[in-house]
PDB file of all heavy atoms in Angstrom:
ATOM      1  N   CYS A   1     125.383  98.872 106.384  1.00  0.00           N
ATOM      2  CA  CYS A   1     126.722  99.195 105.992  1.00  0.00           C
ATOM      3  C   CYS A   1     126.801  99.429 104.550  1.00  0.00           C
ATOM      4  O   CYS A   1     126.148  98.669 103.734  1.00  0.00           O
ATOM      5  CB  CYS A   1     127.708  98.109 106.449  1.00  0.00           C
ATOM      6  SG  CYS A   1     129.452  98.370 106.037  1.00  0.00           S
ATOM      7  N   ILE A   2     127.569 100.404 104.086  1.00  0.00           N
ATOM      8  CA  ILE A   2     127.804 100.519 102.613  1.00  0.00           C
ATOM      9  C   ILE A   2     129.342 100.610 102.476  1.00  0.00           C
ATOM     10  O   ILE A   2     130.044 101.379 103.110  1.00  0.00           O
ATOM     11  CB  ILE A   2     127.117 101.794 102.066  1.00  0.00           C
ATOM     12  CG1 ILE A   2     127.360 101.908 100.577  1.00  0.00           C
ATOM     13  CG2 ILE A   2     127.604 103.113 102.816  1.00  0.00           C
ATOM     14  CD1 ILE A   2     126.368 102.933  99.904  1.00  0.00           C
ATOM     15  N   SER A   3     129.774  99.814 101.476  1.00  0.00           N
ATOM     16  CA  SER A   3     131.199  99.626 101.340  1.00  0.00           C
ATOM     17  C   SER A   3     131.858 100.742 100.564  1.00  0.00           C
ATOM     18  O   SER A   3     131.198 101.543  99.910  1.00  0.00           O
ATOM     19  CB  SER A   3     131.482  98.306 100.525  1.00  0.00           C
ATOM     20  OG  SER A   3     131.075  97.193 101.276  1.00  0.00           O
ATOM     21  N   ALA A   4     133.172 100.878 100.666  1.00  0.00           N
ATOM     22  CA  ALA A   4     133.913 101.979 100.147  1.00  0.00           C
ATOM     23  C   ALA A   4     134.087 101.895  98.647  1.00  0.00           C
ATOM     24  O   ALA A   4     133.928 102.921  97.930  1.00  0.00           O
ATOM     25  CB  ALA A   4     135.262 102.144 100.803  1.00  0.00           C
ATOM     26  N   ASN A   5     134.441 100.754  98.121  1.00  0.00           N
ATOM     27  CA  ASN A   5     134.866 100.650  96.694  1.00  0.00           C
ATOM     28  C   ASN A   5     133.731 100.303  95.786  1.00  0.00           C
ATOM     29  O   ASN A   5     133.628 100.999  94.722  1.00  0.00           O
ATOM     30  CB  ASN A   5     135.900  99.521  96.594  1.00  0.00           C
ATOM     31  CG  ASN A   5     137.292  99.959  97.166  1.00  0.00           C
ATOM     32  OD1 ASN A   5     137.452 101.136  97.496  1.00  0.00           O
ATOM     33  ND2 ASN A   5     138.171  98.978  97.286  1.00  0.00           N
ATOM     34  N   ASP A   6     132.865  99.366  96.083  1.00  0.00           N
ATOM     35  CA  ASP A   6     131.879  98.912  95.156  1.00  0.00           C
ATOM     36  C   ASP A   6     130.464  99.272  95.556  1.00  0.00           C
ATOM     37  O   ASP A   6     129.482  98.819  94.837  1.00  0.00           O
ATOM     38  CB  ASP A   6     131.986  97.429  94.880  1.00  0.00           C
ATOM     39  CG  ASP A   6     131.772  96.573  96.100  1.00  0.00           C
ATOM     40  OD1 ASP A   6     131.496  97.141  97.226  1.00  0.00           O
ATOM     41  OD2 ASP A   6     131.906  95.311  96.076  1.00  0.00           O
ATOM     42  N   ASP A   7     130.243  99.973  96.615  1.00  0.00           N
ATOM     43  CA  ASP A   7     128.981 100.405  97.122  1.00  0.00           C
ATOM     44  C   ASP A   7     128.048  99.258  97.491  1.00  0.00           C
ATOM     45  O   ASP A   7     126.825  99.464  97.531  1.00  0.00           O
ATOM     46  CB  ASP A   7     128.299 101.338  96.117  1.00  0.00           C
ATOM     47  CG  ASP A   7     128.974 102.681  95.958  1.00  0.00           C
ATOM     48  OD1 ASP A   7     129.745 103.084  96.835  1.00  0.00           O
ATOM     49  OD2 ASP A   7     128.681 103.317  94.917  1.00  0.00           O
ATOM     50  N   SER A   8     128.674  98.045  97.715  1.00  0.00           N
ATOM     51  CA  SER A   8     127.828  96.964  98.209  1.00  0.00           C
ATOM     52  C   SER A   8     127.316  97.244  99.567  1.00  0.00           C
ATOM     53  O   SER A   8     127.942  98.033 100.363  1.00  0.00           O
ATOM     54  CB  SER A   8     128.663  95.654  98.164  1.00  0.00           C
ATOM     55  OG  SER A   8     129.742  95.748  99.065  1.00  0.00           O
ATOM     56  N   THR A   9     126.156  96.724  99.921  1.00  0.00           N
ATOM     57  CA  THR A   9     125.535  97.043 101.171  1.00  0.00           C
ATOM     58  C   THR A   9     125.141  95.726 101.940  1.00  0.00           C
ATOM     59  O   THR A   9     124.990  94.731 101.305  1.00  0.00           O
ATOM     60  CB  THR A   9     124.263  97.852 100.983  1.00  0.00           C
ATOM     61  OG1 THR A   9     123.364  97.085 100.125  1.00  0.00           O
ATOM     62  CG2 THR A   9     124.566  99.141 100.278  1.00  0.00           C
ATOM     63  N   THR A  10     125.054  95.827 103.221  1.00  0.00           N
ATOM     64  CA  THR A  10     124.564  94.795 104.059  1.00  0.00           C
ATOM     65  C   THR A  10     123.534  95.328 105.037  1.00  0.00           C
ATOM     66  O   THR A  10     123.531  96.596 105.349  1.00  0.00           O
ATOM     67  CB  THR A  10     125.679  94.140 104.874  1.00  0.00           C
ATOM     68  OG1 THR A  10     126.358  95.098 105.755  1.00  0.00           O
ATOM     69  CG2 THR A  10     126.753  93.545 103.972  1.00  0.00           C
ATOM     70  N   TYR A  11     122.667  94.526 105.560  1.00  0.00           N
ATOM     71  CA  TYR A  11     121.624  94.891 106.472  1.00  0.00           C
ATOM     72  C   TYR A  11     121.493  93.826 107.566  1.00  0.00           C
ATOM     73  O   TYR A  11     121.613  92.636 107.342  1.00  0.00           O
ATOM     74  CB  TYR A  11     120.262  95.062 105.756  1.00  0.00           C
ATOM     75  CG  TYR A  11     120.304  96.112 104.688  1.00  0.00           C
ATOM     76  CD1 TYR A  11     120.569  95.857 103.358  1.00  0.00           C
ATOM     77  CD2 TYR A  11     119.970  97.428 105.092  1.00  0.00           C
ATOM     78  CE1 TYR A  11     120.545  96.869 102.423  1.00  0.00           C
ATOM     79  CE2 TYR A  11     119.987  98.407 104.181  1.00  0.00           C
ATOM     80  CZ  TYR A  11     120.308  98.162 102.841  1.00  0.00           C
ATOM     81  OH  TYR A  11     120.282  99.165 101.928  1.00  0.00           O
ATOM     82  N   GLY A  12     121.152  94.307 108.743  1.00  0.00           N
ATOM     83  CA  GLY A  12     120.877  93.382 109.795  1.00  0.00           C
ATOM     84  C   GLY A  12     119.519  92.703 109.507  1.00  0.00           C
ATOM     85  O   GLY A  12     118.645  93.243 108.886  1.00  0.00           O
ATOM     86  N   ASP A  13     119.401  91.535 110.077  1.00  0.00           N
ATOM     87  CA  ASP A  13     118.189  90.701 109.802  1.00  0.00           C
ATOM     88  C   ASP A  13     116.952  91.481 110.274  1.00  0.00           C
ATOM     89  O   ASP A  13     115.830  91.281 109.656  1.00  0.00           O
ATOM     90  CB  ASP A  13     118.290  89.348 110.461  1.00  0.00           C
ATOM     91  CG  ASP A  13     119.291  88.462 109.786  1.00  0.00           C
ATOM     92  OD1 ASP A  13     119.645  88.722 108.643  1.00  0.00           O
ATOM     93  OD2 ASP A  13     119.758  87.466 110.404  1.00  0.00           O
ATOM     94  N   SER A  14     117.087  92.143 111.319  1.00  0.00           N
ATOM     95  CA  SER A  14     115.853  92.848 111.900  1.00  0.00           C
ATOM     96  C   SER A  14     115.368  93.967 111.039  1.00  0.00           C
ATOM     97  O   SER A  14     114.192  94.397 111.247  1.00  0.00           O
ATOM     98  CB  SER A  14     116.105  93.372 113.328  1.00  0.00           C
ATOM     99  OG  SER A  14     117.198  94.278 113.326  1.00  0.00           O
ATOM    100  N   VAL A  15     116.134  94.459 110.140  1.00  0.00           N
ATOM    101  CA  VAL A  15     115.715  95.654 109.351  1.00  0.00           C
ATOM    102  C   VAL A  15     115.750  95.326 107.801  1.00  0.00           C
ATOM    103  O   VAL A  15     115.284  96.256 107.079  1.00  0.00           O
ATOM    104  CB  VAL A  15     116.610  96.858 109.683  1.00  0.00           C
ATOM    105  CG1 VAL A  15     116.623  97.210 111.070  1.00  0.00           C
ATOM    106  CG2 VAL A  15     118.002  96.650 109.071  1.00  0.00           C
ATOM    107  N   LYS A  16     116.162  94.200 107.470  1.00  0.00           N
ATOM    108  CA  LYS A  16     116.246  93.870 106.090  1.00  0.00           C
ATOM    109  C   LYS A  16     114.859  93.974 105.416  1.00  0.00           C
ATOM    110  O   LYS A  16     113.879  93.434 105.922  1.00  0.00           O
ATOM    111  CB  LYS A  16     116.790  92.504 105.881  1.00  0.00           C
ATOM    112  CG  LYS A  16     117.249  92.117 104.445  1.00  0.00           C
ATOM    113  CD  LYS A  16     118.004  90.782 104.441  1.00  0.00           C
ATOM    114  CE  LYS A  16     119.260  90.843 105.268  1.00  0.00           C
ATOM    115  NZ  LYS A  16     120.027  89.564 105.172  1.00  0.00           N
ATOM    116  N   GLY A  17     114.836  94.657 104.274  1.00  0.00           N
ATOM    117  CA  GLY A  17     113.539  94.824 103.565  1.00  0.00           C
ATOM    118  C   GLY A  17     112.813  96.064 103.969  1.00  0.00           C
ATOM    119  O   GLY A  17     111.858  96.429 103.334  1.00  0.00           O
ATOM    120  N   ARG A  18     113.217  96.679 105.065  1.00  0.00           N
ATOM    121  CA  ARG A  18     112.544  97.849 105.559  1.00  0.00           C
ATOM    122  C   ARG A  18     113.436  99.132 105.551  1.00  0.00           C
ATOM    123  O   ARG A  18     112.974 100.218 105.296  1.00  0.00           O
ATOM    124  CB  ARG A  18     112.060  97.639 106.996  1.00  0.00           C
ATOM    125  CG  ARG A  18     111.027  96.541 107.169  1.00  0.00           C
ATOM    126  CD  ARG A  18     110.453  96.555 108.576  1.00  0.00           C
ATOM    127  NE  ARG A  18     111.490  96.233 109.586  1.00  0.00           N
ATOM    128  CZ  ARG A  18     111.783  97.052 110.599  1.00  0.00           C
ATOM    129  NH1 ARG A  18     111.136  98.250 110.728  1.00  0.00           N
ATOM    130  NH2 ARG A  18     112.702  96.770 111.522  1.00  0.00           N
ATOM    131  N   PHE A  19     114.708  98.911 105.708  1.00  0.00           N
ATOM    132  CA  PHE A  19     115.697 100.042 105.758  1.00  0.00           C
ATOM    133  C   PHE A  19     116.566  99.926 104.497  1.00  0.00           C
ATOM    134  O   PHE A  19     116.908  98.881 103.998  1.00  0.00           O
ATOM    135  CB  PHE A  19     116.612  99.922 106.971  1.00  0.00           C
ATOM    136  CG  PHE A  19     115.980 100.180 108.307  1.00  0.00           C
ATOM    137  CD1 PHE A  19     114.593 100.285 108.409  1.00  0.00           C
ATOM    138  CD2 PHE A  19     116.727 100.368 109.426  1.00  0.00           C
ATOM    139  CE1 PHE A  19     113.953 100.464 109.628  1.00  0.00           C
ATOM    140  CE2 PHE A  19     116.148 100.580 110.634  1.00  0.00           C
ATOM    141  CZ  PHE A  19     114.771 100.706 110.729  1.00  0.00           C
ATOM    142  N   THR A  20     116.976 101.136 104.009  1.00  0.00           N
ATOM    143  CA  THR A  20     117.878 101.241 102.857  1.00  0.00           C
ATOM    144  C   THR A  20     118.978 102.275 103.113  1.00  0.00           C
ATOM    145  O   THR A  20     118.621 103.414 103.537  1.00  0.00           O
ATOM    146  CB  THR A  20     117.097 101.681 101.642  1.00  0.00           C
ATOM    147  OG1 THR A  20     116.028 100.708 101.330  1.00  0.00           O
ATOM    148  CG2 THR A  20     118.019 101.693 100.375  1.00  0.00           C
ATOM    149  N   ILE A  21     120.171 101.859 102.945  1.00  0.00           N
ATOM    150  CA  ILE A  21     121.313 102.775 103.151  1.00  0.00           C
ATOM    151  C   ILE A  21     121.688 103.277 101.764  1.00  0.00           C
ATOM    152  O   ILE A  21     121.658 102.569 100.754  1.00  0.00           O
ATOM    153  CB  ILE A  21     122.509 102.093 103.814  1.00  0.00           C
ATOM    154  CG1 ILE A  21     123.542 103.130 104.150  1.00  0.00           C
ATOM    155  CG2 ILE A  21     123.093 101.000 102.979  1.00  0.00           C
ATOM    156  CD1 ILE A  21     124.678 102.543 105.088  1.00  0.00           C
ATOM    157  N   SER A  22     122.092 104.512 101.683  1.00  0.00           N
ATOM    158  CA  SER A  22     122.534 105.157 100.375  1.00  0.00           C
ATOM    159  C   SER A  22     123.564 106.178 100.639  1.00  0.00           C
ATOM    160  O   SER A  22     123.744 106.746 101.768  1.00  0.00           O
ATOM    161  CB  SER A  22     121.355 105.704  99.614  1.00  0.00           C
ATOM    162  OG  SER A  22     120.737 106.759 100.336  1.00  0.00           O
ATOM    163  N   ARG A  23     124.235 106.589  99.628  1.00  0.00           N
ATOM    164  CA  ARG A  23     125.326 107.598  99.685  1.00  0.00           C
ATOM    165  C   ARG A  23     125.125 108.607  98.581  1.00  0.00           C
ATOM    166  O   ARG A  23     124.918 108.292  97.408  1.00  0.00           O
ATOM    167  CB  ARG A  23     126.666 106.912  99.638  1.00  0.00           C
ATOM    168  CG  ARG A  23     127.866 107.849  99.545  1.00  0.00           C
ATOM    169  CD  ARG A  23     129.121 107.190  99.960  1.00  0.00           C
ATOM    170  NE  ARG A  23     129.353 105.934  99.247  1.00  0.00           N
ATOM    171  CZ  ARG A  23     129.953 104.848  99.790  1.00  0.00           C
ATOM    172  NH1 ARG A  23     130.337 104.898 101.069  1.00  0.00           N
ATOM    173  NH2 ARG A  23     130.086 103.758  99.097  1.00  0.00           N
ATOM    174  N   ASP A  24     125.330 109.880  98.913  1.00  0.00           N
ATOM    175  CA  ASP A  24     125.377 110.964  97.986  1.00  0.00           C
ATOM    176  C   ASP A  24     126.710 111.548  98.068  1.00  0.00           C
ATOM    177  O   ASP A  24     126.993 112.482  98.949  1.00  0.00           O
ATOM    178  CB  ASP A  24     124.226 111.970  98.220  1.00  0.00           C
ATOM    179  CG  ASP A  24     124.140 113.022  97.115  1.00  0.00           C
ATOM    180  OD1 ASP A  24     125.096 113.285  96.505  1.00  0.00           O
ATOM    181  OD2 ASP A  24     123.023 113.607  97.063  1.00  0.00           O
ATOM    182  N   SER A  25     127.646 111.216  97.139  1.00  0.00           N
ATOM    183  CA  SER A  25     128.989 111.684  97.244  1.00  0.00           C
ATOM    184  C   SER A  25     129.101 113.157  97.068  1.00  0.00           C
ATOM    185  O   SER A  25     129.972 113.794  97.620  1.00  0.00           O
ATOM    186  CB  SER A  25     129.869 110.890  96.207  1.00  0.00           C
ATOM    187  OG  SER A  25     129.913 109.518  96.542  1.00  0.00           O
ATOM    188  N   ALA A  26     128.292 113.700  96.158  1.00  0.00           N
ATOM    189  CA  ALA A  26     128.281 115.177  95.878  1.00  0.00           C
ATOM    190  C   ALA A  26     128.079 115.971  97.129  1.00  0.00           C
ATOM    191  O   ALA A  26     128.585 117.087  97.288  1.00  0.00           O
ATOM    192  CB  ALA A  26     127.361 115.520  94.769  1.00  0.00           C
ATOM    193  N   LYS A  27     127.149 115.463  98.012  1.00  0.00           N
ATOM    194  CA  LYS A  27     126.803 116.115  99.229  1.00  0.00           C
ATOM    195  C   LYS A  27     127.592 115.658 100.438  1.00  0.00           C
ATOM    196  O   LYS A  27     127.480 116.223 101.562  1.00  0.00           O
ATOM    197  CB  LYS A  27     125.370 115.949  99.483  1.00  0.00           C
ATOM    198  CG  LYS A  27     124.423 116.584  98.491  1.00  0.00           C
ATOM    199  CD  LYS A  27     122.972 116.382  98.818  1.00  0.00           C
ATOM    200  CE  LYS A  27     122.118 117.042  97.807  1.00  0.00           C
ATOM    201  NZ  LYS A  27     120.651 116.855  98.088  1.00  0.00           N
ATOM    202  N   ASN A  28     128.420 114.645 100.252  1.00  0.00           N
ATOM    203  CA  ASN A  28     129.215 114.071 101.328  1.00  0.00           C
ATOM    204  C   ASN A  28     128.274 113.580 102.427  1.00  0.00           C
ATOM    205  O   ASN A  28     128.527 113.861 103.604  1.00  0.00           O
ATOM    206  CB  ASN A  28     130.243 114.996 101.856  1.00  0.00           C
ATOM    207  CG  ASN A  28     131.440 114.277 102.517  1.00  0.00           C
ATOM    208  OD1 ASN A  28     131.773 113.189 102.179  1.00  0.00           O
ATOM    209  ND2 ASN A  28     132.073 114.944 103.489  1.00  0.00           N
ATOM    210  N   MET A  29     127.252 112.852 102.010  1.00  0.00           N
ATOM    211  CA  MET A  29     126.218 112.416 102.966  1.00  0.00           C
ATOM    212  C   MET A  29     125.938 110.932 102.785  1.00  0.00           C
ATOM    213  O   MET A  29     126.011 110.425 101.613  1.00  0.00           O
ATOM    214  CB  MET A  29     124.911 113.233 102.766  1.00  0.00           C
ATOM    215  CG  MET A  29     125.079 114.673 102.978  1.00  0.00           C
ATOM    216  SD  MET A  29     124.986 115.147 104.668  1.00  0.00           S
ATOM    217  CE  MET A  29     123.245 114.883 104.976  1.00  0.00           C
ATOM    218  N   VAL A  30     125.559 110.298 103.887  1.00  0.00           N
ATOM    219  CA  VAL A  30     125.066 108.953 103.822  1.00  0.00           C
ATOM    220  C   VAL A  30     123.673 108.927 104.491  1.00  0.00           C
ATOM    221  O   VAL A  30     123.555 109.621 105.528  1.00  0.00           O
ATOM    222  CB  VAL A  30     125.973 107.918 104.530  1.00  0.00           C
ATOM    223  CG1 VAL A  30     125.348 106.561 104.702  1.00  0.00           C
ATOM    224  CG2 VAL A  30     127.254 107.770 103.683  1.00  0.00           C
ATOM    225  N   TYR A  31     122.715 108.249 104.005  1.00  0.00           N
ATOM    226  CA  TYR A  31     121.371 108.248 104.506  1.00  0.00           C
ATOM    227  C   TYR A  31     120.945 106.823 104.929  1.00  0.00           C
ATOM    228  O   TYR A  31     121.417 105.836 104.393  1.00  0.00           O
ATOM    229  CB  TYR A  31     120.381 108.796 103.409  1.00  0.00           C
ATOM    230  CG  TYR A  31     120.754 110.152 102.852  1.00  0.00           C
ATOM    231  CD1 TYR A  31     121.365 110.221 101.659  1.00  0.00           C
ATOM    232  CD2 TYR A  31     120.422 111.268 103.569  1.00  0.00           C
ATOM    233  CE1 TYR A  31     121.771 111.497 101.153  1.00  0.00           C
ATOM    234  CE2 TYR A  31     120.771 112.499 103.076  1.00  0.00           C
ATOM    235  CZ  TYR A  31     121.387 112.586 101.853  1.00  0.00           C
ATOM    236  OH  TYR A  31     121.719 113.898 101.358  1.00  0.00           O
ATOM    237  N   LEU A  32     120.003 106.822 105.748  1.00  0.00           N
ATOM    238  CA  LEU A  32     119.340 105.590 106.107  1.00  0.00           C
ATOM    239  C   LEU A  32     117.821 105.831 106.089  1.00  0.00           C
ATOM    240  O   LEU A  32     117.233 106.543 106.917  1.00  0.00           O
ATOM    241  CB  LEU A  32     119.740 105.133 107.542  1.00  0.00           C
ATOM    242  CG  LEU A  32     119.082 103.713 107.987  1.00  0.00           C
ATOM    243  CD1 LEU A  32     119.765 102.619 107.104  1.00  0.00           C
ATOM    244  CD2 LEU A  32     119.316 103.492 109.413  1.00  0.00           C
ATOM    245  N   GLN A  33     117.216 105.296 105.011  1.00  0.00           N
ATOM    246  CA  GLN A  33     115.731 105.404 104.879  1.00  0.00           C
ATOM    247  C   GLN A  33     115.129 104.306 105.639  1.00  0.00           C
ATOM    248  O   GLN A  33     115.422 103.121 105.404  1.00  0.00           O
ATOM    249  CB  GLN A  33     115.370 105.341 103.353  1.00  0.00           C
ATOM    250  CG  GLN A  33     113.839 105.420 103.173  1.00  0.00           C
ATOM    251  CD  GLN A  33     113.261 106.713 103.521  1.00  0.00           C
ATOM    252  OE1 GLN A  33     113.775 107.739 103.180  1.00  0.00           O
ATOM    253  NE2 GLN A  33     112.137 106.698 104.302  1.00  0.00           N
ATOM    254  N   MET A  34     114.263 104.559 106.596  1.00  0.00           N
ATOM    255  CA  MET A  34     113.623 103.590 107.526  1.00  0.00           C
ATOM    256  C   MET A  34     112.126 103.590 107.204  1.00  0.00           C
ATOM    257  O   MET A  34     111.467 104.617 107.446  1.00  0.00           O
ATOM    258  CB  MET A  34     113.889 103.945 108.942  1.00  0.00           C
ATOM    259  CG  MET A  34     115.392 104.069 109.240  1.00  0.00           C
ATOM    260  SD  MET A  34     115.737 104.267 111.010  1.00  0.00           S
ATOM    261  CE  MET A  34     114.839 105.828 111.274  1.00  0.00           C
ATOM    262  N   ASN A  35     111.611 102.542 106.724  1.00  0.00           N
ATOM    263  CA  ASN A  35     110.201 102.411 106.419  1.00  0.00           C
ATOM    264  C   ASN A  35     109.513 101.307 107.294  1.00  0.00           C
ATOM    265  O   ASN A  35     110.260 100.446 107.859  1.00  0.00           O
ATOM    266  CB  ASN A  35     109.993 102.011 104.943  1.00  0.00           C
ATOM    267  CG  ASN A  35     110.499 103.078 104.002  1.00  0.00           C
ATOM    268  OD1 ASN A  35     110.392 104.268 104.264  1.00  0.00           O
ATOM    269  ND2 ASN A  35     110.983 102.656 102.829  1.00  0.00           N
ATOM    270  N   ASN A  36     108.258 101.365 107.367  1.00  0.00           N
ATOM    271  CA  ASN A  36     107.521 100.367 108.221  1.00  0.00           C
ATOM    272  C   ASN A  36     108.103 100.218 109.590  1.00  0.00           C
ATOM    273  O   ASN A  36     108.389  99.113 110.060  1.00  0.00           O
ATOM    274  CB  ASN A  36     107.461  99.034 107.475  1.00  0.00           C
ATOM    275  CG  ASN A  36     106.436  98.067 108.091  1.00  0.00           C
ATOM    276  OD1 ASN A  36     105.518  98.491 108.766  1.00  0.00           O
ATOM    277  ND2 ASN A  36     106.675  96.815 107.874  1.00  0.00           N
ATOM    278  N   LEU A  37     108.318 101.326 110.241  1.00  0.00           N
ATOM    279  CA  LEU A  37     108.983 101.314 111.582  1.00  0.00           C
ATOM    280  C   LEU A  37     108.130 100.534 112.623  1.00  0.00           C
ATOM    281  O   LEU A  37     106.890 100.661 112.605  1.00  0.00           O
ATOM    282  CB  LEU A  37     109.280 102.743 111.994  1.00  0.00           C
ATOM    283  CG  LEU A  37     110.444 103.352 111.281  1.00  0.00           C
ATOM    284  CD1 LEU A  37     110.433 104.872 111.483  1.00  0.00           C
ATOM    285  CD2 LEU A  37     111.731 102.764 111.848  1.00  0.00           C
ATOM    286  N   LYS A  38     108.818  99.932 113.491  1.00  0.00           N
ATOM    287  CA  LYS A  38     108.176  99.133 114.558  1.00  0.00           C
ATOM    288  C   LYS A  38     108.652  99.634 115.874  1.00  0.00           C
ATOM    289  O   LYS A  38     109.734 100.191 116.046  1.00  0.00           O
ATOM    290  CB  LYS A  38     108.588  97.630 114.395  1.00  0.00           C
ATOM    291  CG  LYS A  38     108.254  97.054 113.040  1.00  0.00           C
ATOM    292  CD  LYS A  38     108.747  95.615 112.904  1.00  0.00           C
ATOM    293  CE  LYS A  38     108.432  95.057 111.521  1.00  0.00           C
ATOM    294  NZ  LYS A  38     106.943  95.009 111.200  1.00  0.00           N
ATOM    295  N   PRO A  39     107.900  99.440 116.951  1.00  0.00           N
ATOM    296  CA  PRO A  39     108.310  99.835 118.272  1.00  0.00           C
ATOM    297  C   PRO A  39     109.716  99.317 118.652  1.00  0.00           C
ATOM    298  O   PRO A  39     110.422 100.053 119.342  1.00  0.00           O
ATOM    299  CB  PRO A  39     107.251  99.301 119.232  1.00  0.00           C
ATOM    300  CG  PRO A  39     106.052  99.270 118.332  1.00  0.00           C
ATOM    301  CD  PRO A  39     106.491  98.882 117.040  1.00  0.00           C
ATOM    302  N   GLU A  40     110.045  98.166 118.224  1.00  0.00           N
ATOM    303  CA  GLU A  40     111.358  97.610 118.541  1.00  0.00           C
ATOM    304  C   GLU A  40     112.522  98.306 117.821  1.00  0.00           C
ATOM    305  O   GLU A  40     113.707  98.049 118.094  1.00  0.00           O
ATOM    306  CB  GLU A  40     111.446  96.086 118.317  1.00  0.00           C
ATOM    307  CG  GLU A  40     110.907  95.654 116.901  1.00  0.00           C
ATOM    308  CD  GLU A  40     109.470  95.247 116.945  1.00  0.00           C
ATOM    309  OE1 GLU A  40     108.660  95.970 117.614  1.00  0.00           O
ATOM    310  OE2 GLU A  40     109.139  94.215 116.349  1.00  0.00           O
ATOM    311  N   ASP A  41     112.191  99.214 116.889  1.00  0.00           N
ATOM    312  CA  ASP A  41     113.232 100.025 116.273  1.00  0.00           C
ATOM    313  C   ASP A  41     113.648 101.229 117.102  1.00  0.00           C
ATOM    314  O   ASP A  41     114.563 101.885 116.741  1.00  0.00           O
ATOM    315  CB  ASP A  41     112.719 100.548 114.911  1.00  0.00           C
ATOM    316  CG  ASP A  41     112.499  99.437 113.909  1.00  0.00           C
ATOM    317  OD1 ASP A  41     113.355  98.501 113.819  1.00  0.00           O
ATOM    318  OD2 ASP A  41     111.515  99.489 113.213  1.00  0.00           O
ATOM    319  N   THR A  42     112.945 101.405 118.161  1.00  0.00           N
ATOM    320  CA  THR A  42     113.272 102.570 119.066  1.00  0.00           C
ATOM    321  C   THR A  42     114.629 102.354 119.624  1.00  0.00           C
ATOM    322  O   THR A  42     115.021 101.389 120.269  1.00  0.00           O
ATOM    323  CB  THR A  42     112.264 102.655 120.226  1.00  0.00           C
ATOM    324  OG1 THR A  42     110.969 102.930 119.705  1.00  0.00           O
ATOM    325  CG2 THR A  42     112.597 103.744 121.223  1.00  0.00           C
ATOM    326  N   ALA A  43     115.490 103.391 119.427  1.00  0.00           N
ATOM    327  CA  ALA A  43     116.878 103.371 119.847  1.00  0.00           C
ATOM    328  C   ALA A  43     117.569 104.649 119.479  1.00  0.00           C
ATOM    329  O   ALA A  43     117.016 105.536 118.766  1.00  0.00           O
ATOM    330  CB  ALA A  43     117.625 102.166 119.121  1.00  0.00           C
TER     331      ALA A  43
END
């Protein structure tokens, strides 16, 4: 999750350290970079 006002972020325990959320306001986009993917990430 990425907050509206201060851009603070939270992550689930299962993805912490591997996934990164970010926002590009100019493009009106939010991204989720997923690294070191595991079979249990399938969803």
